[in-house]
PDB file of N, CA and C in Angstrom:
ATOM      1  N   UNK A   1     -38.195 -10.255 -48.019  1.00  0.00           N
ATOM      2  CA  UNK A   1     -37.702  -9.251 -48.937  1.00  0.00           C
ATOM      3  C   UNK A   1     -38.869  -8.779 -49.799  1.00  0.00           C
ATOM      4  N   UNK A   2     -39.093  -7.483 -49.849  1.00  0.00           N
ATOM      5  CA  UNK A   2     -40.213  -7.013 -50.639  1.00  0.00           C
ATOM      6  C   UNK A   2     -39.810  -6.767 -52.085  1.00  0.00           C
ATOM      7  N   UNK A   3     -40.807  -6.609 -52.939  1.00  0.00           N
ATOM      8  CA  UNK A   3     -40.623  -6.638 -54.380  1.00  0.00           C
ATOM      9  C   UNK A   3     -39.612  -5.608 -54.887  1.00  0.00           C
ATOM     10  N   UNK A   4     -39.692  -4.358 -54.421  1.00  0.00           N
ATOM     11  CA  UNK A   4     -38.784  -3.340 -54.958  1.00  0.00           C
ATOM     12  C   UNK A   4     -37.339  -3.632 -54.576  1.00  0.00           C
ATOM     13  N   UNK A   5     -37.111  -4.202 -53.396  1.00  0.00           N
ATOM     14  CA  UNK A   5     -35.750  -4.568 -53.016  1.00  0.00           C
ATOM     15  C   UNK A   5     -35.242  -5.713 -53.891  1.00  0.00           C
ATOM     16  N   UNK A   6     -36.068  -6.717 -54.090  1.00  0.00           N
ATOM     17  CA  UNK A   6     -35.681  -7.841 -54.945  1.00  0.00           C
ATOM     18  C   UNK A   6     -35.403  -7.372 -56.373  1.00  0.00           C
ATOM     19  N   UNK A   7     -36.243  -6.468 -56.878  1.00  0.00           N
ATOM     20  CA  UNK A   7     -36.024  -5.925 -58.228  1.00  0.00           C
ATOM     21  C   UNK A   7     -34.712  -5.169 -58.315  1.00  0.00           C
ATOM     22  N   UNK A   8     -34.388  -4.378 -57.307  1.00  0.00           N
ATOM     23  CA  UNK A   8     -33.137  -3.624 -57.313  1.00  0.00           C
ATOM     24  C   UNK A   8     -31.935  -4.552 -57.303  1.00  0.00           C
ATOM     25  N   UNK A   9     -31.999  -5.584 -56.494  1.00  0.00           N
ATOM     26  CA  UNK A   9     -30.883  -6.529 -56.431  1.00  0.00           C
ATOM     27  C   UNK A   9     -30.716  -7.239 -57.767  1.00  0.00           C
ATOM     28  N   UNK A  10     -31.815  -7.663 -58.362  1.00  0.00           N
ATOM     29  CA  UNK A  10     -31.744  -8.333 -59.668  1.00  0.00           C
ATOM     30  C   UNK A  10     -31.226  -7.377 -60.743  1.00  0.00           C
ATOM     31  N   UNK A  11     -31.777  -6.171 -60.780  1.00  0.00           N
ATOM     32  CA  UNK A  11     -31.372  -5.200 -61.809  1.00  0.00           C
ATOM     33  C   UNK A  11     -29.943  -4.715 -61.610  1.00  0.00           C
ATOM     34  N   UNK A  12     -29.444  -4.714 -60.367  1.00  0.00           N
ATOM     35  CA  UNK A  12     -28.079  -4.245 -60.118  1.00  0.00           C
ATOM     36  C   UNK A  12     -27.039  -5.155 -60.756  1.00  0.00           C
ATOM     37  N   UNK A  13     -27.446  -6.348 -61.111  1.00  0.00           N
ATOM     38  CA  UNK A  13     -26.526  -7.306 -61.721  1.00  0.00           C
ATOM     39  C   UNK A  13     -26.396  -7.100 -63.226  1.00  0.00           C
ATOM     40  N   UNK A  14     -27.128  -6.150 -63.781  1.00  0.00           N
ATOM     41  CA  UNK A  14     -27.015  -5.843 -65.200  1.00  0.00           C
ATOM     42  C   UNK A  14     -26.090  -4.640 -65.377  1.00  0.00           C
ATOM     43  N   UNK A  15     -25.566  -4.481 -66.557  1.00  0.00           N
ATOM     44  CA  UNK A  15     -24.613  -3.409 -66.834  1.00  0.00           C
ATOM     45  C   UNK A  15     -25.266  -2.029 -66.919  1.00  0.00           C
ATOM     46  N   UNK A  16     -26.550  -1.966 -67.196  1.00  0.00           N
ATOM     47  CA  UNK A  16     -27.183  -0.668 -67.448  1.00  0.00           C
ATOM     48  C   UNK A  16     -28.178  -0.261 -66.358  1.00  0.00           C
ATOM     49  N   UNK A  17     -27.959  -0.676 -65.142  1.00  0.00           N
ATOM     50  CA  UNK A  17     -28.857  -0.344 -64.043  1.00  0.00           C
ATOM     51  C   UNK A  17     -28.565   1.078 -63.561  1.00  0.00           C
ATOM     52  N   UNK A  18     -29.546   1.959 -63.687  1.00  0.00           N
ATOM     53  CA  UNK A  18     -29.399   3.348 -63.250  1.00  0.00           C
ATOM     54  C   UNK A  18     -30.404   3.588 -62.135  1.00  0.00           C
ATOM     55  N   UNK A  19     -29.920   3.594 -60.914  1.00  0.00           N
ATOM     56  CA  UNK A  19     -30.801   3.723 -59.757  1.00  0.00           C
ATOM     57  C   UNK A  19     -30.987   5.164 -59.321  1.00  0.00           C
ATOM     58  N   UNK A  20     -30.203   6.077 -59.859  1.00  0.00           N
ATOM     59  CA  UNK A  20     -30.234   7.465 -59.389  1.00  0.00           C
ATOM     60  C   UNK A  20     -30.956   8.399 -60.352  1.00  0.00           C
ATOM     61  N   UNK A  21     -31.704   7.842 -61.264  1.00  0.00           N
ATOM     62  CA  UNK A  21     -32.539   8.614 -62.186  1.00  0.00           C
ATOM     63  C   UNK A  21     -31.735   9.602 -63.018  1.00  0.00           C
ATOM     64  N   UNK A  22     -30.459   9.323 -63.224  1.00  0.00           N
ATOM     65  CA  UNK A  22     -29.551  10.167 -64.008  1.00  0.00           C
ATOM     66  C   UNK A  22     -29.443  11.593 -63.469  1.00  0.00           C
ATOM     67  N   UNK A  23     -29.649  11.760 -62.187  1.00  0.00           N
ATOM     68  CA  UNK A  23     -29.503  13.078 -61.561  1.00  0.00           C
ATOM     69  C   UNK A  23     -28.042  13.504 -61.641  1.00  0.00           C
ATOM     70  N   UNK A  24     -27.793  14.809 -61.768  1.00  0.00           N
ATOM     71  CA  UNK A  24     -26.408  15.270 -61.875  1.00  0.00           C
ATOM     72  C   UNK A  24     -25.608  15.120 -60.583  1.00  0.00           C
ATOM     73  N   UNK A  25     -26.301  14.997 -59.442  1.00  0.00           N
ATOM     74  CA  UNK A  25     -25.621  14.870 -58.149  1.00  0.00           C
ATOM     75  C   UNK A  25     -26.242  13.714 -57.378  1.00  0.00           C
ATOM     76  N   UNK A  26     -25.395  12.892 -56.797  1.00  0.00           N
ATOM     77  CA  UNK A  26     -25.846  11.826 -55.905  1.00  0.00           C
ATOM     78  C   UNK A  26     -25.068  11.980 -54.604  1.00  0.00           C
ATOM     79  N   UNK A  27     -25.773  12.256 -53.527  1.00  0.00           N
ATOM     80  CA  UNK A  27     -25.168  12.386 -52.204  1.00  0.00           C
ATOM     81  C   UNK A  27     -25.400  11.073 -51.470  1.00  0.00           C
ATOM     82  N   UNK A  28     -24.334  10.504 -50.925  1.00  0.00           N
ATOM     83  CA  UNK A  28     -24.415   9.219 -50.247  1.00  0.00           C
ATOM     84  C   UNK A  28     -24.094   9.431 -48.773  1.00  0.00           C
ATOM     85  N   UNK A  29     -24.947   8.896 -47.889  1.00  0.00           N
ATOM     86  CA  UNK A  29     -24.670   8.982 -46.456  1.00  0.00           C
ATOM     87  C   UNK A  29     -24.291   7.602 -45.935  1.00  0.00           C
ATOM     88  N   UNK A  30     -23.243   7.589 -45.132  1.00  0.00           N
ATOM     89  CA  UNK A  30     -22.759   6.345 -44.545  1.00  0.00           C
ATOM     90  C   UNK A  30     -22.506   6.574 -43.062  1.00  0.00           C
ATOM     91  N   UNK A  31     -22.464   5.486 -42.321  1.00  0.00           N
ATOM     92  CA  UNK A  31     -22.224   5.560 -40.896  1.00  0.00           C
ATOM     93  C   UNK A  31     -21.638   4.225 -40.451  1.00  0.00           C
ATOM     94  N   UNK A  32     -21.157   4.167 -39.233  1.00  0.00           N
ATOM     95  CA  UNK A  32     -20.605   2.910 -38.720  1.00  0.00           C
ATOM     96  C   UNK A  32     -21.691   1.836 -38.692  1.00  0.00           C
ATOM     97  N   UNK A  33     -21.367   0.654 -39.171  1.00  0.00           N
ATOM     98  CA  UNK A  33     -22.386  -0.392 -39.266  1.00  0.00           C
ATOM     99  C   UNK A  33     -22.789  -0.963 -37.917  1.00  0.00           C
ATOM    100  N   UNK A  34     -21.971  -0.810 -36.878  1.00  0.00           N
ATOM    101  CA  UNK A  34     -22.337  -1.336 -35.563  1.00  0.00           C
ATOM    102  C   UNK A  34     -22.872  -0.250 -34.624  1.00  0.00           C
ATOM    103  N   UNK A  35     -23.166   0.916 -35.147  1.00  0.00           N
ATOM    104  CA  UNK A  35     -23.691   2.028 -34.357  1.00  0.00           C
ATOM    105  C   UNK A  35     -25.218   1.961 -34.359  1.00  0.00           C
ATOM    106  N   UNK A  36     -25.834   2.012 -33.212  1.00  0.00           N
ATOM    107  CA  UNK A  36     -27.275   1.817 -33.071  1.00  0.00           C
ATOM    108  C   UNK A  36     -28.141   2.843 -33.780  1.00  0.00           C
ATOM    109  N   UNK A  37     -27.653   4.060 -33.967  1.00  0.00           N
ATOM    110  CA  UNK A  37     -28.438   5.112 -34.623  1.00  0.00           C
ATOM    111  C   UNK A  37     -27.950   5.406 -36.037  1.00  0.00           C
ATOM    112  N   UNK A  38     -27.290   4.452 -36.677  1.00  0.00           N
ATOM    113  CA  UNK A  38     -26.715   4.712 -38.002  1.00  0.00           C
ATOM    114  C   UNK A  38     -27.765   5.127 -39.030  1.00  0.00           C
ATOM    115  N   UNK A  39     -28.874   4.421 -39.099  1.00  0.00           N
ATOM    116  CA  UNK A  39     -29.912   4.753 -40.067  1.00  0.00           C
ATOM    117  C   UNK A  39     -30.602   6.063 -39.693  1.00  0.00           C
ATOM    118  N   UNK A  40     -30.886   6.250 -38.412  1.00  0.00           N
ATOM    119  CA  UNK A  40     -31.565   7.470 -37.965  1.00  0.00           C
ATOM    120  C   UNK A  40     -30.719   8.711 -38.250  1.00  0.00           C
ATOM    121  N   UNK A  41     -29.433   8.652 -37.952  1.00  0.00           N
ATOM    122  CA  UNK A  41     -28.563   9.801 -38.194  1.00  0.00           C
ATOM    123  C   UNK A  41     -28.493  10.143 -39.681  1.00  0.00           C
ATOM    124  N   UNK A  42     -28.343   9.123 -40.518  1.00  0.00           N
ATOM    125  CA  UNK A  42     -28.282   9.364 -41.969  1.00  0.00           C
ATOM    126  C   UNK A  42     -29.616   9.891 -42.482  1.00  0.00           C
ATOM    127  N   UNK A  43     -30.719   9.377 -41.945  1.00  0.00           N
ATOM    128  CA  UNK A  43     -32.044   9.845 -42.357  1.00  0.00           C
ATOM    129  C   UNK A  43     -32.233  11.320 -42.027  1.00  0.00           C
ATOM    130  N   UNK A  44     -31.829  11.722 -40.826  1.00  0.00           N
ATOM    131  CA  UNK A  44     -31.947  13.138 -40.441  1.00  0.00           C
ATOM    132  C   UNK A  44     -31.101  14.017 -41.352  1.00  0.00           C
ATOM    133  N   UNK A  45     -29.895  13.587 -41.652  1.00  0.00           N
ATOM    134  CA  UNK A  45     -29.023  14.368 -42.536  1.00  0.00           C
ATOM    135  C   UNK A  45     -29.646  14.511 -43.921  1.00  0.00           C
ATOM    136  N   UNK A  46     -30.191  13.418 -44.453  1.00  0.00           N
ATOM    137  CA  UNK A  46     -30.803  13.469 -45.779  1.00  0.00           C
ATOM    138  C   UNK A  46     -32.046  14.359 -45.781  1.00  0.00           C
ATOM    139  N   UNK A  47     -32.865  14.265 -44.747  1.00  0.00           N
ATOM    140  CA  UNK A  47     -34.061  15.110 -44.687  1.00  0.00           C
ATOM    141  C   UNK A  47     -33.677  16.586 -44.649  1.00  0.00           C
ATOM    142  N   UNK A  48     -32.662  16.923 -43.860  1.00  0.00           N
ATOM    143  CA  UNK A  48     -32.218  18.319 -43.811  1.00  0.00           C
ATOM    144  C   UNK A  48     -31.706  18.791 -45.167  1.00  0.00           C
ATOM    145  N   UNK A  49     -31.015  17.921 -45.885  1.00  0.00           N
ATOM    146  CA  UNK A  49     -30.544  18.280 -47.225  1.00  0.00           C
ATOM    147  C   UNK A  49     -31.718  18.482 -48.177  1.00  0.00           C
ATOM    148  N   UNK A  50     -32.766  17.669 -48.048  1.00  0.00           N
ATOM    149  CA  UNK A  50     -33.936  17.805 -48.909  1.00  0.00           C
ATOM    150  C   UNK A  50     -34.666  19.125 -48.624  1.00  0.00           C
ATOM    151  N   UNK A  51     -34.762  19.512 -47.365  1.00  0.00           N
ATOM    152  CA  UNK A  51     -35.392  20.788 -47.006  1.00  0.00           C
ATOM    153  C   UNK A  51     -34.575  21.942 -47.574  1.00  0.00           C
ATOM    154  N   UNK A  52     -33.259  21.880 -47.429  1.00  0.00           N
ATOM    155  CA  UNK A  52     -32.396  22.929 -47.972  1.00  0.00           C
ATOM    156  C   UNK A  52     -32.489  22.980 -49.495  1.00  0.00           C
ATOM    157  N   UNK A  53     -32.515  21.818 -50.147  1.00  0.00           N
ATOM    158  CA  UNK A  53     -32.630  21.776 -51.608  1.00  0.00           C
ATOM    159  C   UNK A  53     -33.911  22.453 -52.067  1.00  0.00           C
ATOM    160  N   UNK A  54     -35.010  22.172 -51.394  1.00  0.00           N
ATOM    161  CA  UNK A  54     -36.284  22.788 -51.758  1.00  0.00           C
ATOM    162  C   UNK A  54     -36.218  24.307 -51.610  1.00  0.00           C
ATOM    163  N   UNK A  55     -35.594  24.779 -50.552  1.00  0.00           N
ATOM    164  CA  UNK A  55     -35.455  26.228 -50.349  1.00  0.00           C
ATOM    165  C   UNK A  55     -34.614  26.865 -51.445  1.00  0.00           C
ATOM    166  N   UNK A  56     -33.721  26.085 -52.065  1.00  0.00           N
ATOM    167  CA  UNK A  56     -32.873  26.580 -53.152  1.00  0.00           C
ATOM    168  C   UNK A  56     -33.458  26.288 -54.532  1.00  0.00           C
ATOM    169  N   UNK A  57     -34.736  25.884 -54.565  1.00  0.00           N
ATOM    170  CA  UNK A  57     -35.441  25.552 -55.808  1.00  0.00           C
ATOM    171  C   UNK A  57     -34.821  24.373 -56.551  1.00  0.00           C
ATOM    172  N   UNK A  58     -34.218  23.453 -55.812  1.00  0.00           N
ATOM    173  CA  UNK A  58     -33.680  22.236 -56.396  1.00  0.00           C
ATOM    174  C   UNK A  58     -34.638  21.087 -56.105  1.00  0.00           C
ATOM    175  N   UNK A  59     -34.623  20.106 -56.962  1.00  0.00           N
ATOM    176  CA  UNK A  59     -35.405  18.905 -56.735  1.00  0.00           C
ATOM    177  C   UNK A  59     -34.535  17.857 -56.061  1.00  0.00           C
ATOM    178  N   UNK A  60     -35.138  17.008 -55.262  1.00  0.00           N
ATOM    179  CA  UNK A  60     -34.394  15.940 -54.602  1.00  0.00           C
ATOM    180  C   UNK A  60     -35.262  14.694 -54.521  1.00  0.00           C
ATOM    181  N   UNK A  61     -34.597  13.559 -54.429  1.00  0.00           N
ATOM    182  CA  UNK A  61     -35.306  12.286 -54.337  1.00  0.00           C
ATOM    183  C   UNK A  61     -34.491  11.340 -53.467  1.00  0.00           C
ATOM    184  N   UNK A  62     -35.123  10.801 -52.439  1.00  0.00           N
ATOM    185  CA  UNK A  62     -34.484   9.840 -51.554  1.00  0.00           C
ATOM    186  C   UNK A  62     -34.235   8.549 -52.332  1.00  0.00           C
ATOM    187  N   UNK A  63     -33.044   8.006 -52.218  1.00  0.00           N
ATOM    188  CA  UNK A  63     -32.671   6.790 -52.938  1.00  0.00           C
ATOM    189  C   UNK A  63     -32.326   5.703 -51.919  1.00  0.00           C
ATOM    190  N   UNK A  64     -33.006   4.557 -51.984  1.00  0.00           N
ATOM    191  CA  UNK A  64     -32.760   3.452 -51.053  1.00  0.00           C
ATOM    192  C   UNK A  64     -31.842   2.368 -51.604  1.00  0.00           C
ATOM    193  N   UNK A  65     -31.668   2.302 -52.895  1.00  0.00           N
ATOM    194  CA  UNK A  65     -31.052   1.130 -53.507  1.00  0.00           C
ATOM    195  C   UNK A  65     -29.661   0.806 -52.970  1.00  0.00           C
ATOM    196  N   UNK A  66     -28.823   1.806 -52.709  1.00  0.00           N
ATOM    197  CA  UNK A  66     -27.478   1.501 -52.215  1.00  0.00           C
ATOM    198  C   UNK A  66     -27.520   0.840 -50.838  1.00  0.00           C
ATOM    199  N   UNK A  67     -28.455   1.242 -49.999  1.00  0.00           N
ATOM    200  CA  UNK A  67     -28.585   0.605 -48.688  1.00  0.00           C
ATOM    201  C   UNK A  67     -28.932  -0.872 -48.853  1.00  0.00           C
ATOM    202  N   UNK A  68     -29.789  -1.163 -49.807  1.00  0.00           N
ATOM    203  CA  UNK A  68     -30.182  -2.547 -50.028  1.00  0.00           C
ATOM    204  C   UNK A  68     -29.023  -3.403 -50.528  1.00  0.00           C
ATOM    205  N   UNK A  69     -28.054  -2.751 -51.123  1.00  0.00           N
ATOM    206  CA  UNK A  69     -26.904  -3.464 -51.696  1.00  0.00           C
ATOM    207  C   UNK A  69     -25.665  -3.298 -50.811  1.00  0.00           C
ATOM    208  N   UNK A  70     -25.882  -3.073 -49.537  1.00  0.00           N
ATOM    209  CA  UNK A  70     -24.820  -2.758 -48.590  1.00  0.00           C
ATOM    210  C   UNK A  70     -23.678  -3.767 -48.532  1.00  0.00           C
ATOM    211  N   UNK A  71     -23.944  -5.001 -48.806  1.00  0.00           N
ATOM    212  CA  UNK A  71     -22.899  -6.018 -48.728  1.00  0.00           C
ATOM    213  C   UNK A  71     -22.442  -6.484 -50.108  1.00  0.00           C
ATOM    214  N   UNK A  72     -22.875  -5.790 -51.158  1.00  0.00           N
ATOM    215  CA  UNK A  72     -22.446  -6.122 -52.514  1.00  0.00           C
ATOM    216  C   UNK A  72     -20.972  -5.748 -52.663  1.00  0.00           C
ATOM    217  N   UNK A  73     -20.157  -6.702 -53.059  1.00  0.00           N
ATOM    218  CA  UNK A  73     -18.711  -6.501 -53.141  1.00  0.00           C
ATOM    219  C   UNK A  73     -18.322  -5.352 -54.074  1.00  0.00           C
ATOM    220  N   UNK A  74     -18.973  -5.240 -55.208  1.00  0.00           N
ATOM    221  CA  UNK A  74     -18.665  -4.166 -56.159  1.00  0.00           C
ATOM    222  C   UNK A  74     -19.008  -2.805 -55.574  1.00  0.00           C
ATOM    223  N   UNK A  75     -20.178  -2.704 -54.941  1.00  0.00           N
ATOM    224  CA  UNK A  75     -20.588  -1.441 -54.312  1.00  0.00           C
ATOM    225  C   UNK A  75     -19.604  -1.071 -53.212  1.00  0.00           C
ATOM    226  N   UNK A  76     -19.232  -2.038 -52.370  1.00  0.00           N
ATOM    227  CA  UNK A  76     -18.296  -1.765 -51.282  1.00  0.00           C
ATOM    228  C   UNK A  76     -16.959  -1.259 -51.810  1.00  0.00           C
ATOM    229  N   UNK A  77     -16.424  -1.888 -52.837  1.00  0.00           N
ATOM    230  CA  UNK A  77     -15.147  -1.442 -53.407  1.00  0.00           C
ATOM    231  C   UNK A  77     -15.240  -0.007 -53.905  1.00  0.00           C
ATOM    232  N   UNK A  78     -16.355   0.317 -54.546  1.00  0.00           N
ATOM    233  CA  UNK A  78     -16.544   1.683 -55.041  1.00  0.00           C
ATOM    234  C   UNK A  78     -16.633   2.668 -53.883  1.00  0.00           C
ATOM    235  N   UNK A  79     -17.384   2.321 -52.846  1.00  0.00           N
ATOM    236  CA  UNK A  79     -17.523   3.214 -51.690  1.00  0.00           C
ATOM    237  C   UNK A  79     -16.193   3.379 -50.960  1.00  0.00           C
ATOM    238  N   UNK A  80     -15.409   2.311 -50.850  1.00  0.00           N
ATOM    239  CA  UNK A  80     -14.088   2.420 -50.230  1.00  0.00           C
ATOM    240  C   UNK A  80     -13.204   3.358 -51.039  1.00  0.00           C
ATOM    241  N   UNK A  81     -13.302   3.292 -52.359  1.00  0.00           N
ATOM    242  CA  UNK A  81     -12.506   4.185 -53.210  1.00  0.00           C
ATOM    243  C   UNK A  81     -12.892   5.650 -52.999  1.00  0.00           C
ATOM    244  N   UNK A  82     -14.159   5.900 -52.629  1.00  0.00           N
ATOM    245  CA  UNK A  82     -14.613   7.262 -52.342  1.00  0.00           C
ATOM    246  C   UNK A  82     -14.265   7.697 -50.919  1.00  0.00           C
ATOM    247  N   UNK A  83     -13.735   6.793 -50.100  1.00  0.00           N
ATOM    248  CA  UNK A  83     -13.322   7.163 -48.759  1.00  0.00           C
ATOM    249  C   UNK A  83     -14.100   6.538 -47.621  1.00  0.00           C
ATOM    250  N   UNK A  84     -15.098   5.721 -47.928  1.00  0.00           N
ATOM    251  CA  UNK A  84     -15.835   5.050 -46.865  1.00  0.00           C
ATOM    252  C   UNK A  84     -14.908   4.044 -46.185  1.00  0.00           C
ATOM    253  N   UNK A  85     -14.987   3.965 -44.866  1.00  0.00           N
ATOM    254  CA  UNK A  85     -14.142   3.037 -44.116  1.00  0.00           C
ATOM    255  C   UNK A  85     -14.764   1.643 -44.090  1.00  0.00           C
ATOM    256  N   UNK A  86     -13.947   0.644 -43.805  1.00  0.00           N
ATOM    257  CA  UNK A  86     -14.423  -0.741 -43.839  1.00  0.00           C
ATOM    258  C   UNK A  86     -15.469  -1.052 -42.784  1.00  0.00           C
ATOM    259  N   UNK A  87     -15.503  -0.271 -41.679  1.00  0.00           N
ATOM    260  CA  UNK A  87     -16.515  -0.518 -40.652  1.00  0.00           C
ATOM    261  C   UNK A  87     -17.766   0.324 -40.867  1.00  0.00           C
ATOM    262  N   UNK A  88     -17.906   0.933 -42.038  1.00  0.00           N
ATOM    263  CA  UNK A  88     -19.066   1.769 -42.368  1.00  0.00           C
ATOM    264  C   UNK A  88     -19.884   1.116 -43.478  1.00  0.00           C
ATOM    265  N   UNK A  89     -21.156   1.518 -43.547  1.00  0.00           N
ATOM    266  CA  UNK A  89     -22.046   1.080 -44.618  1.00  0.00           C
ATOM    267  C   UNK A  89     -22.913   2.258 -45.027  1.00  0.00           C
ATOM    268  N   UNK A  90     -23.444   2.178 -46.226  1.00  0.00           N
ATOM    269  CA  UNK A  90     -24.338   3.206 -46.753  1.00  0.00           C
ATOM    270  C   UNK A  90     -25.724   2.992 -46.160  1.00  0.00           C
ATOM    271  N   UNK A  91     -26.349   4.090 -45.703  1.00  0.00           N
ATOM    272  CA  UNK A  91     -27.689   3.995 -45.135  1.00  0.00           C
ATOM    273  C   UNK A  91     -28.696   4.892 -45.844  1.00  0.00           C
ATOM    274  N   UNK A  92     -28.296   5.531 -46.909  1.00  0.00           N
ATOM    275  CA  UNK A  92     -29.222   6.327 -47.689  1.00  0.00           C
ATOM    276  C   UNK A  92     -28.473   7.138 -48.725  1.00  0.00           C
ATOM    277  N   UNK A  93     -29.217   7.651 -49.675  1.00  0.00           N
ATOM    278  CA  UNK A  93     -28.626   8.492 -50.713  1.00  0.00           C
ATOM    279  C   UNK A  93     -29.688   9.472 -51.193  1.00  0.00           C
ATOM    280  N   UNK A  94     -29.232  10.500 -51.861  1.00  0.00           N
ATOM    281  CA  UNK A  94     -30.109  11.563 -52.301  1.00  0.00           C
ATOM    282  C   UNK A  94     -29.724  11.995 -53.709  1.00  0.00           C
ATOM    283  N   UNK A  95     -30.659  11.873 -54.642  1.00  0.00           N
ATOM    284  CA  UNK A  95     -30.465  12.410 -55.982  1.00  0.00           C
ATOM    285  C   UNK A  95     -30.859  13.883 -55.928  1.00  0.00           C
ATOM    286  N   UNK A  96     -30.052  14.731 -56.542  1.00  0.00           N
ATOM    287  CA  UNK A  96     -30.254  16.165 -56.440  1.00  0.00           C
ATOM    288  C   UNK A  96     -30.052  16.811 -57.807  1.00  0.00           C
ATOM    289  N   UNK A  97     -30.943  17.717 -58.165  1.00  0.00           N
ATOM    290  CA  UNK A  97     -30.803  18.422 -59.436  1.00  0.00           C
ATOM    291  C   UNK A  97     -31.961  19.368 -59.666  1.00  0.00           C
ATOM    292  N   UNK A  98     -31.963  19.971 -60.829  1.00  0.00           N
ATOM    293  CA  UNK A  98     -33.068  20.860 -61.189  1.00  0.00           C
ATOM    294  C   UNK A  98     -34.237  20.016 -61.687  1.00  0.00           C
ATOM    295  N   UNK A  99     -35.430  20.314 -61.217  1.00  0.00           N
ATOM    296  CA  UNK A  99     -36.602  19.526 -61.611  1.00  0.00           C
ATOM    297  C   UNK A  99     -36.885  19.603 -63.108  1.00  0.00           C
ATOM    298  N   UNK A 100     -37.385  18.513 -63.640  1.00  0.00           N
ATOM    299  CA  UNK A 100     -37.798  18.454 -65.037  1.00  0.00           C
ATOM    300  C   UNK A 100     -39.251  18.914 -65.124  1.00  0.00           C
ATOM    301  N   UNK A 101     -39.461  20.194 -64.865  1.00  0.00           N
ATOM    302  CA  UNK A 101     -40.792  20.804 -64.912  1.00  0.00           C
ATOM    303  C   UNK A 101     -40.741  21.971 -65.892  1.00  0.00           C
ATOM    304  N   UNK A 102     -41.868  22.436 -66.385  1.00  0.00           N
ATOM    305  CA  UNK A 102     -41.854  23.530 -67.360  1.00  0.00           C
ATOM    306  C   UNK A 102     -41.100  24.780 -66.884  1.00  0.00           C
ATOM    307  N   UNK A 103     -41.211  25.094 -65.578  1.00  0.00           N
ATOM    308  CA  UNK A 103     -40.531  26.293 -65.084  1.00  0.00           C
ATOM    309  C   UNK A 103     -39.211  25.981 -64.374  1.00  0.00           C
ATOM    310  N   UNK A 104     -38.832  24.698 -64.302  1.00  0.00           N
ATOM    311  CA  UNK A 104     -37.588  24.310 -63.660  1.00  0.00           C
ATOM    312  C   UNK A 104     -37.621  24.370 -62.152  1.00  0.00           C
ATOM    313  N   UNK A 105     -38.797  24.538 -61.579  1.00  0.00           N
ATOM    314  CA  UNK A 105     -38.947  24.623 -60.134  1.00  0.00           C
ATOM    315  C   UNK A 105     -39.577  23.352 -59.586  1.00  0.00           C
ATOM    316  N   UNK A 106     -39.319  23.044 -58.312  1.00  0.00           N
ATOM    317  CA  UNK A 106     -39.960  21.859 -57.718  1.00  0.00           C
ATOM    318  C   UNK A 106     -41.477  21.976 -57.733  1.00  0.00           C
ATOM    319  N   UNK A 107     -42.142  20.840 -57.823  1.00  0.00           N
ATOM    320  CA  UNK A 107     -43.593  20.797 -57.756  1.00  0.00           C
ATOM    321  C   UNK A 107     -44.004  21.034 -56.307  1.00  0.00           C
ATOM    322  N   UNK A 108     -44.650  22.146 -56.059  1.00  0.00           N
ATOM    323  CA  UNK A 108     -45.037  22.479 -54.689  1.00  0.00           C
ATOM    324  C   UNK A 108     -46.542  22.416 -54.491  1.00  0.00           C
ATOM    325  N   UNK A 109     -47.207  21.647 -55.316  1.00  0.00           N
ATOM    326  CA  UNK A 109     -48.640  21.449 -55.155  1.00  0.00           C
ATOM    327  C   UNK A 109     -48.842  20.433 -54.032  1.00  0.00           C
ATOM    328  N   UNK A 110     -49.678  20.749 -53.100  1.00  0.00           N
ATOM    329  CA  UNK A 110     -49.929  19.845 -51.991  1.00  0.00           C
ATOM    330  C   UNK A 110     -50.597  18.581 -52.505  1.00  0.00           C
ATOM    331  N   UNK A 111     -50.007  17.461 -52.194  1.00  0.00           N
ATOM    332  CA  UNK A 111     -50.544  16.172 -52.625  1.00  0.00           C
ATOM    333  C   UNK A 111     -51.529  15.651 -51.584  1.00  0.00           C
ATOM    334  N   UNK A 112     -52.467  14.866 -52.049  1.00  0.00           N
ATOM    335  CA  UNK A 112     -53.428  14.242 -51.131  1.00  0.00           C
ATOM    336  C   UNK A 112     -52.686  13.276 -50.225  1.00  0.00           C
ATOM    337  N   UNK A 113     -53.077  13.240 -48.976  1.00  0.00           N
ATOM    338  CA  UNK A 113     -52.446  12.320 -48.025  1.00  0.00           C
ATOM    339  C   UNK A 113     -52.883  10.892 -48.313  1.00  0.00           C
ATOM    340  N   UNK A 114     -51.912   9.992 -48.262  1.00  0.00           N
ATOM    341  CA  UNK A 114     -52.172   8.570 -48.432  1.00  0.00           C
ATOM    342  C   UNK A 114     -51.476   7.833 -47.305  1.00  0.00           C
ATOM    343  N   UNK A 115     -51.869   6.627 -47.069  1.00  0.00           N
ATOM    344  CA  UNK A 115     -51.145   5.801 -46.105  1.00  0.00           C
ATOM    345  C   UNK A 115     -51.714   5.873 -44.716  1.00  0.00           C
ATOM    346  N   UNK A 116     -50.856   5.689 -43.773  1.00  0.00           N
ATOM    347  CA  UNK A 116     -51.260   5.589 -42.368  1.00  0.00           C
ATOM    348  C   UNK A 116     -51.688   6.928 -41.813  1.00  0.00           C
ATOM    349  N   UNK A 117     -52.756   6.950 -41.018  1.00  0.00           N
ATOM    350  CA  UNK A 117     -53.178   8.208 -40.388  1.00  0.00           C
ATOM    351  C   UNK A 117     -52.193   8.592 -39.277  1.00  0.00           C
ATOM    352  N   UNK A 118     -52.098   9.889 -39.028  1.00  0.00           N
ATOM    353  CA  UNK A 118     -51.260  10.386 -37.944  1.00  0.00           C
ATOM    354  C   UNK A 118     -52.199  10.915 -36.864  1.00  0.00           C
ATOM    355  N   UNK A 119     -51.993  10.464 -35.633  1.00  0.00           N
ATOM    356  CA  UNK A 119     -52.822  10.883 -34.521  1.00  0.00           C
ATOM    357  C   UNK A 119     -51.962  11.697 -33.559  1.00  0.00           C
ATOM    358  N   UNK A 120     -52.423  12.897 -33.233  1.00  0.00           N
ATOM    359  CA  UNK A 120     -51.718  13.751 -32.283  1.00  0.00           C
ATOM    360  C   UNK A 120     -52.383  13.610 -30.925  1.00  0.00           C
ATOM    361  N   UNK A 121     -51.603  13.383 -29.915  1.00  0.00           N
ATOM    362  CA  UNK A 121     -52.114  13.264 -28.550  1.00  0.00           C
ATOM    363  C   UNK A 121     -51.545  14.421 -27.742  1.00  0.00           C
ATOM    364  N   UNK A 122     -52.452  15.165 -27.084  1.00  0.00           N
ATOM    365  CA  UNK A 122     -51.957  16.277 -26.284  1.00  0.00           C
ATOM    366  C   UNK A 122     -52.312  16.112 -24.828  1.00  0.00           C
TER     367      UNK A 122
END
């Protein structure tokens, strides 16, 4: 278990844990827990929503914490109340709202690449 997951689990046990950055909208994606492409399907849906949000000048942020708490009894009860079925689990979420920037628009400055290199083979 890596540090951010452990921190989320520990912090989720407190009354004031806010994992969605107080965004006005939280979109939750769920899928059948025994389906082989459950995470991939939810990831594609979330990415498409993020692209659409950017085109509409909205800010978005991928949220992992609910997936990490997939078997938490309190989270499950809440998700069932929202309509999630018992054979489903959350595989991602998206915070959505207007960016907290001077002009209210998403930051579209190209960031320096970090992390693993991408190699194209033709």
